[in-house]
Amino acid sequence: MSTKSSRPVTRWLAPEEERAWRAYRRMVIAVQARTAQDLAEHGLSEPDYEVLSTLSERPGNTSTLREQAAKMEWSRSRLSRHATRMEARGLVRRAPDPADGRGCFLILSEQGLETLRSIAPAHVTSVRRHFVDRLTPEDLAALERIATKLDGAAD
């Protein structure tokens, strides 16, 4: 009879790996919190801005709920609840998706487009202040390479 455990051996982080991981987490939290605070001063949350900006880039300013949820890595039900709140504020509207009986289209409203147009300059200024202008072109290139490696890397 074997007494060995069938659990895999944990590969603990080496000190330099742990420092890099913790630095990454601090960076993401700090930049996200600061840009979110700046958006909030204009009456939008980060998810609001993500939905509005994504829809503005799509043909017909429209996306399926399923596509938008996947882009945001949210469940459809979570995005549906958020879209309900955005719809109540006049930022988006919904329409049935004939290809998916349970799904719907999210459509950027005129008010949503105007809101995005009015807030986008302040958001870009915030992104510059808290992120872009603090880095060199070489830093930005390295960060882009790293982000590309990690994007979609989840198993």
C-alpha atoms as a PDB file:
ATOM      1  CA  MET A   1       0.000   0.000   0.000  1.00  0.00           C
ATOM      2  CA  SER A   2       1.371   3.410  -0.985  1.00  0.00           C
ATOM      3  CA  THR A   3       1.304   6.264   1.484  1.00  0.00           C
ATOM      4  CA  LYS A   4       2.162   8.890  -1.113  1.00  0.00           C
ATOM      5  CA  SER A   5      -0.346  11.660  -1.608  1.00  0.00           C
ATOM      6  CA  SER A   6      -1.834  12.103  -5.055  1.00  0.00           C
ATOM      7  CA  ARG A   7      -1.785  15.891  -4.690  1.00  0.00           C
ATOM      8  CA  PRO A   8       0.651  17.704  -6.952  1.00  0.00           C
ATOM      9  CA  VAL A   9       3.728  19.238  -5.379  1.00  0.00           C
ATOM     10  CA  THR A  10       3.373  22.990  -4.911  1.00  0.00           C
ATOM     11  CA  ARG A  11       6.023  25.045  -6.664  1.00  0.00           C
ATOM     12  CA  TRP A  12       6.344  27.940  -4.221  1.00  0.00           C
ATOM     13  CA  LEU A  13       7.456  31.290  -5.563  1.00  0.00           C
ATOM     14  CA  ALA A  14      11.112  32.169  -5.361  1.00  0.00           C
ATOM     15  CA  PRO A  15      11.766  35.534  -3.668  1.00  0.00           C
ATOM     16  CA  GLU A  16      12.252  37.355  -6.993  1.00  0.00           C
ATOM     17  CA  GLU A  17       9.070  35.775  -8.398  1.00  0.00           C
ATOM     18  CA  GLU A  18       7.094  36.799  -5.331  1.00  0.00           C
ATOM     19  CA  ARG A  19       8.454  40.361  -5.500  1.00  0.00           C
ATOM     20  CA  ALA A  20       7.459  40.584  -9.194  1.00  0.00           C
ATOM     21  CA  TRP A  21       3.984  39.185  -8.481  1.00  0.00           C
ATOM     22  CA  ARG A  22       3.382  41.568  -5.580  1.00  0.00           C
ATOM     23  CA  ALA A  23       4.686  44.542  -7.590  1.00  0.00           C
ATOM     24  CA  TYR A  24       2.356  43.634 -10.453  1.00  0.00           C
ATOM     25  CA  ARG A  25      -0.639  43.379  -8.093  1.00  0.00           C
ATOM     26  CA  ARG A  26       0.184  46.733  -6.440  1.00  0.00           C
ATOM     27  CA  MET A  27       0.545  48.362  -9.875  1.00  0.00           C
ATOM     28  CA  VAL A  28      -2.769  47.021 -11.187  1.00  0.00           C
ATOM     29  CA  ILE A  29      -4.648  47.962  -8.020  1.00  0.00           C
ATOM     30  CA  ALA A  30      -3.143  51.464  -7.839  1.00  0.00           C
ATOM     31  CA  VAL A  31      -3.665  52.385 -11.501  1.00  0.00           C
ATOM     32  CA  GLN A  32      -7.146  50.881 -11.587  1.00  0.00           C
ATOM     33  CA  ALA A  33      -8.223  52.600  -8.365  1.00  0.00           C
ATOM     34  CA  ARG A  34      -6.935  55.998  -9.494  1.00  0.00           C
ATOM     35  CA  THR A  35      -8.488  55.886 -12.961  1.00  0.00           C
ATOM     36  CA  ALA A  36     -11.740  54.535 -11.484  1.00  0.00           C
ATOM     37  CA  GLN A  37     -11.829  57.423  -9.016  1.00  0.00           C
ATOM     38  CA  ASP A  38     -11.362  59.897 -11.869  1.00  0.00           C
ATOM     39  CA  LEU A  39     -14.203  58.254 -13.843  1.00  0.00           C
ATOM     40  CA  ALA A  40     -16.445  58.318 -10.762  1.00  0.00           C
ATOM     41  CA  GLU A  41     -15.991  62.091 -10.568  1.00  0.00           C
ATOM     42  CA  HIS A  42     -17.785  62.159 -13.933  1.00  0.00           C
ATOM     43  CA  GLY A  43     -20.548  59.772 -12.866  1.00  0.00           C
ATOM     44  CA  LEU A  44     -19.290  56.561 -14.513  1.00  0.00           C
ATOM     45  CA  SER A  45     -17.821  53.345 -13.197  1.00  0.00           C
ATOM     46  CA  GLU A  46     -15.064  51.433 -14.973  1.00  0.00           C
ATOM     47  CA  PRO A  47     -17.566  48.818 -16.219  1.00  0.00           C
ATOM     48  CA  ASP A  48     -19.823  51.619 -17.497  1.00  0.00           C
ATOM     49  CA  TYR A  49     -16.916  53.067 -19.468  1.00  0.00           C
ATOM     50  CA  GLU A  50     -15.894  49.638 -20.757  1.00  0.00           C
ATOM     51  CA  VAL A  51     -19.386  48.939 -22.072  1.00  0.00           C
ATOM     52  CA  LEU A  52     -19.781  52.392 -23.630  1.00  0.00           C
ATOM     53  CA  SER A  53     -16.346  52.436 -25.259  1.00  0.00           C
ATOM     54  CA  THR A  54     -16.701  48.884 -26.591  1.00  0.00           C
ATOM     55  CA  LEU A  55     -20.118  49.592 -28.068  1.00  0.00           C
ATOM     56  CA  SER A  56     -18.830  52.807 -29.674  1.00  0.00           C
ATOM     57  CA  GLU A  57     -16.197  50.774 -31.535  1.00  0.00           C
ATOM     58  CA  ARG A  58     -18.636  48.154 -32.858  1.00  0.00           C
ATOM     59  CA  PRO A  59     -20.564  48.340 -36.128  1.00  0.00           C
ATOM     60  CA  GLY A  60     -23.912  49.946 -35.423  1.00  0.00           C
ATOM     61  CA  ASN A  61     -22.751  50.652 -31.844  1.00  0.00           C
ATOM     62  CA  THR A  62     -24.120  47.190 -31.013  1.00  0.00           C
ATOM     63  CA  SER A  63     -22.843  44.012 -29.375  1.00  0.00           C
ATOM     64  CA  THR A  64     -24.486  40.885 -28.084  1.00  0.00           C
ATOM     65  CA  LEU A  65     -24.701  40.527 -24.347  1.00  0.00           C
ATOM     66  CA  ARG A  66     -22.732  37.293 -24.735  1.00  0.00           C
ATOM     67  CA  GLU A  67     -19.854  38.991 -26.622  1.00  0.00           C
ATOM     68  CA  GLN A  68     -19.660  41.886 -24.177  1.00  0.00           C
ATOM     69  CA  ALA A  69     -19.713  39.582 -21.157  1.00  0.00           C
ATOM     70  CA  ALA A  70     -16.895  37.509 -22.657  1.00  0.00           C
ATOM     71  CA  LYS A  71     -14.830  40.637 -23.363  1.00  0.00           C
ATOM     72  CA  MET A  72     -15.239  41.796 -19.767  1.00  0.00           C
ATOM     73  CA  GLU A  73     -14.798  38.256 -18.396  1.00  0.00           C
ATOM     74  CA  TRP A  74     -18.136  38.588 -16.610  1.00  0.00           C
ATOM     75  CA  SER A  75     -21.033  36.147 -16.516  1.00  0.00           C
ATOM     76  CA  ARG A  76     -23.963  37.032 -18.737  1.00  0.00           C
ATOM     77  CA  SER A  77     -26.196  37.420 -15.684  1.00  0.00           C
ATOM     78  CA  ARG A  78     -23.768  39.857 -14.031  1.00  0.00           C
ATOM     79  CA  LEU A  79     -23.540  41.952 -17.201  1.00  0.00           C
ATOM     80  CA  SER A  80     -27.318  41.767 -17.649  1.00  0.00           C
ATOM     81  CA  ARG A  81     -27.840  43.250 -14.176  1.00  0.00           C
ATOM     82  CA  HIS A  82     -25.270  45.965 -14.910  1.00  0.00           C
ATOM     83  CA  ALA A  83     -26.873  46.696 -18.303  1.00  0.00           C
ATOM     84  CA  THR A  84     -30.235  47.068 -16.559  1.00  0.00           C
ATOM     85  CA  ARG A  85     -28.760  49.836 -14.407  1.00  0.00           C
ATOM     86  CA  MET A  86     -27.136  51.478 -17.453  1.00  0.00           C
ATOM     87  CA  GLU A  87     -30.411  51.225 -19.369  1.00  0.00           C
ATOM     88  CA  ALA A  88     -32.268  52.955 -16.510  1.00  0.00           C
ATOM     89  CA  ARG A  89     -29.768  55.837 -16.835  1.00  0.00           C
ATOM     90  CA  GLY A  90     -30.376  56.019 -20.599  1.00  0.00           C
ATOM     91  CA  LEU A  91     -26.833  54.961 -21.575  1.00  0.00           C
ATOM     92  CA  VAL A  92     -27.752  51.778 -23.464  1.00  0.00           C
ATOM     93  CA  ARG A  93     -30.829  50.012 -24.715  1.00  0.00           C
ATOM     94  CA  ARG A  94     -31.525  46.368 -25.408  1.00  0.00           C
ATOM     95  CA  ALA A  95     -33.064  44.543 -28.308  1.00  0.00           C
ATOM     96  CA  PRO A  96     -33.839  40.834 -28.701  1.00  0.00           C
ATOM     97  CA  ASP A  97     -31.208  38.726 -30.476  1.00  0.00           C
ATOM     98  CA  PRO A  98     -33.096  36.574 -33.010  1.00  0.00           C
ATOM     99  CA  ALA A  99     -30.110  34.208 -33.235  1.00  0.00           C
ATOM    100  CA  ASP A 100     -30.200  33.541 -29.467  1.00  0.00           C
ATOM    101  CA  GLY A 101     -33.606  33.293 -27.859  1.00  0.00           C
ATOM    102  CA  ARG A 102     -32.119  33.887 -24.413  1.00  0.00           C
ATOM    103  CA  GLY A 103     -29.764  36.632 -25.532  1.00  0.00           C
ATOM    104  CA  CYS A 104     -30.054  40.263 -26.457  1.00  0.00           C
ATOM    105  CA  PHE A 105     -28.202  43.033 -28.174  1.00  0.00           C
ATOM    106  CA  LEU A 106     -26.748  45.913 -26.205  1.00  0.00           C
ATOM    107  CA  ILE A 107     -27.030  49.123 -28.188  1.00  0.00           C
ATOM    108  CA  LEU A 108     -25.297  52.386 -27.360  1.00  0.00           C
ATOM    109  CA  SER A 109     -27.954  55.085 -26.994  1.00  0.00           C
ATOM    110  CA  GLU A 110     -27.505  58.661 -28.185  1.00  0.00           C
ATOM    111  CA  GLN A 111     -27.219  59.714 -24.545  1.00  0.00           C
ATOM    112  CA  GLY A 112     -24.612  57.001 -23.963  1.00  0.00           C
ATOM    113  CA  LEU A 113     -22.603  58.152 -26.978  1.00  0.00           C
ATOM    114  CA  GLU A 114     -22.772  61.771 -25.840  1.00  0.00           C
ATOM    115  CA  THR A 115     -21.738  60.744 -22.323  1.00  0.00           C
ATOM    116  CA  LEU A 116     -18.777  58.830 -23.724  1.00  0.00           C
ATOM    117  CA  ARG A 117     -17.747  61.745 -25.960  1.00  0.00           C
ATOM    118  CA  SER A 118     -17.865  64.162 -23.051  1.00  0.00           C
ATOM    119  CA  ILE A 119     -15.941  61.920 -20.618  1.00  0.00           C
ATOM    120  CA  ALA A 120     -13.355  60.375 -22.975  1.00  0.00           C
ATOM    121  CA  PRO A 121     -10.964  63.371 -22.844  1.00  0.00           C
ATOM    122  CA  ALA A 122     -10.925  63.301 -19.026  1.00  0.00           C
ATOM    123  CA  HIS A 123     -10.425  59.531 -19.057  1.00  0.00           C
ATOM    124  CA  VAL A 124      -7.478  59.765 -21.450  1.00  0.00           C
ATOM    125  CA  THR A 125      -5.979  62.484 -19.253  1.00  0.00           C
ATOM    126  CA  SER A 126      -6.382  60.182 -16.252  1.00  0.00           C
ATOM    127  CA  VAL A 127      -4.769  57.236 -18.063  1.00  0.00           C
ATOM    128  CA  ARG A 128      -1.860  59.482 -19.062  1.00  0.00           C
ATOM    129  CA  ARG A 129      -1.440  60.886 -15.527  1.00  0.00           C
ATOM    130  CA  HIS A 130      -1.597  57.555 -13.714  1.00  0.00           C
ATOM    131  CA  PHE A 131       0.032  55.295 -16.303  1.00  0.00           C
ATOM    132  CA  VAL A 132       1.412  56.380 -19.695  1.00  0.00           C
ATOM    133  CA  ASP A 133       3.318  59.507 -18.680  1.00  0.00           C
ATOM    134  CA  ARG A 134       5.035  57.674 -15.809  1.00  0.00           C
ATOM    135  CA  LEU A 135       6.667  55.195 -18.202  1.00  0.00           C
ATOM    136  CA  THR A 136       9.309  55.447 -20.891  1.00  0.00           C
ATOM    137  CA  PRO A 137       8.617  54.263 -24.431  1.00  0.00           C
ATOM    138  CA  GLU A 138      10.779  51.237 -23.609  1.00  0.00           C
ATOM    139  CA  ASP A 139       8.694  50.518 -20.487  1.00  0.00           C
ATOM    140  CA  LEU A 140       5.500  50.717 -22.523  1.00  0.00           C
ATOM    141  CA  ALA A 141       6.896  48.371 -25.189  1.00  0.00           C
ATOM    142  CA  ALA A 142       8.004  45.866 -22.526  1.00  0.00           C
ATOM    143  CA  LEU A 143       4.643  46.067 -20.792  1.00  0.00           C
ATOM    144  CA  GLU A 144       2.830  45.507 -24.085  1.00  0.00           C
ATOM    145  CA  ARG A 145       4.969  42.413 -24.780  1.00  0.00           C
ATOM    146  CA  ILE A 146       4.285  41.059 -21.308  1.00  0.00           C
ATOM    147  CA  ALA A 147       0.542  41.787 -21.512  1.00  0.00           C
ATOM    148  CA  THR A 148       0.366  40.057 -24.893  1.00  0.00           C
ATOM    149  CA  LYS A 149       2.022  36.966 -23.404  1.00  0.00           C
ATOM    150  CA  LEU A 150      -0.434  36.891 -20.526  1.00  0.00           C
ATOM    151  CA  ASP A 151      -3.587  37.874 -22.428  1.00  0.00           C
ATOM    152  CA  GLY A 152      -5.798  34.849 -22.756  1.00  0.00           C
ATOM    153  CA  ALA A 153      -3.185  32.673 -21.061  1.00  0.00           C
ATOM    154  CA  ALA A 154      -5.678  31.223 -18.595  1.00  0.00           C
ATOM    155  CA  ASP A 155      -6.058  27.472 -19.001  1.00  0.00           C
END
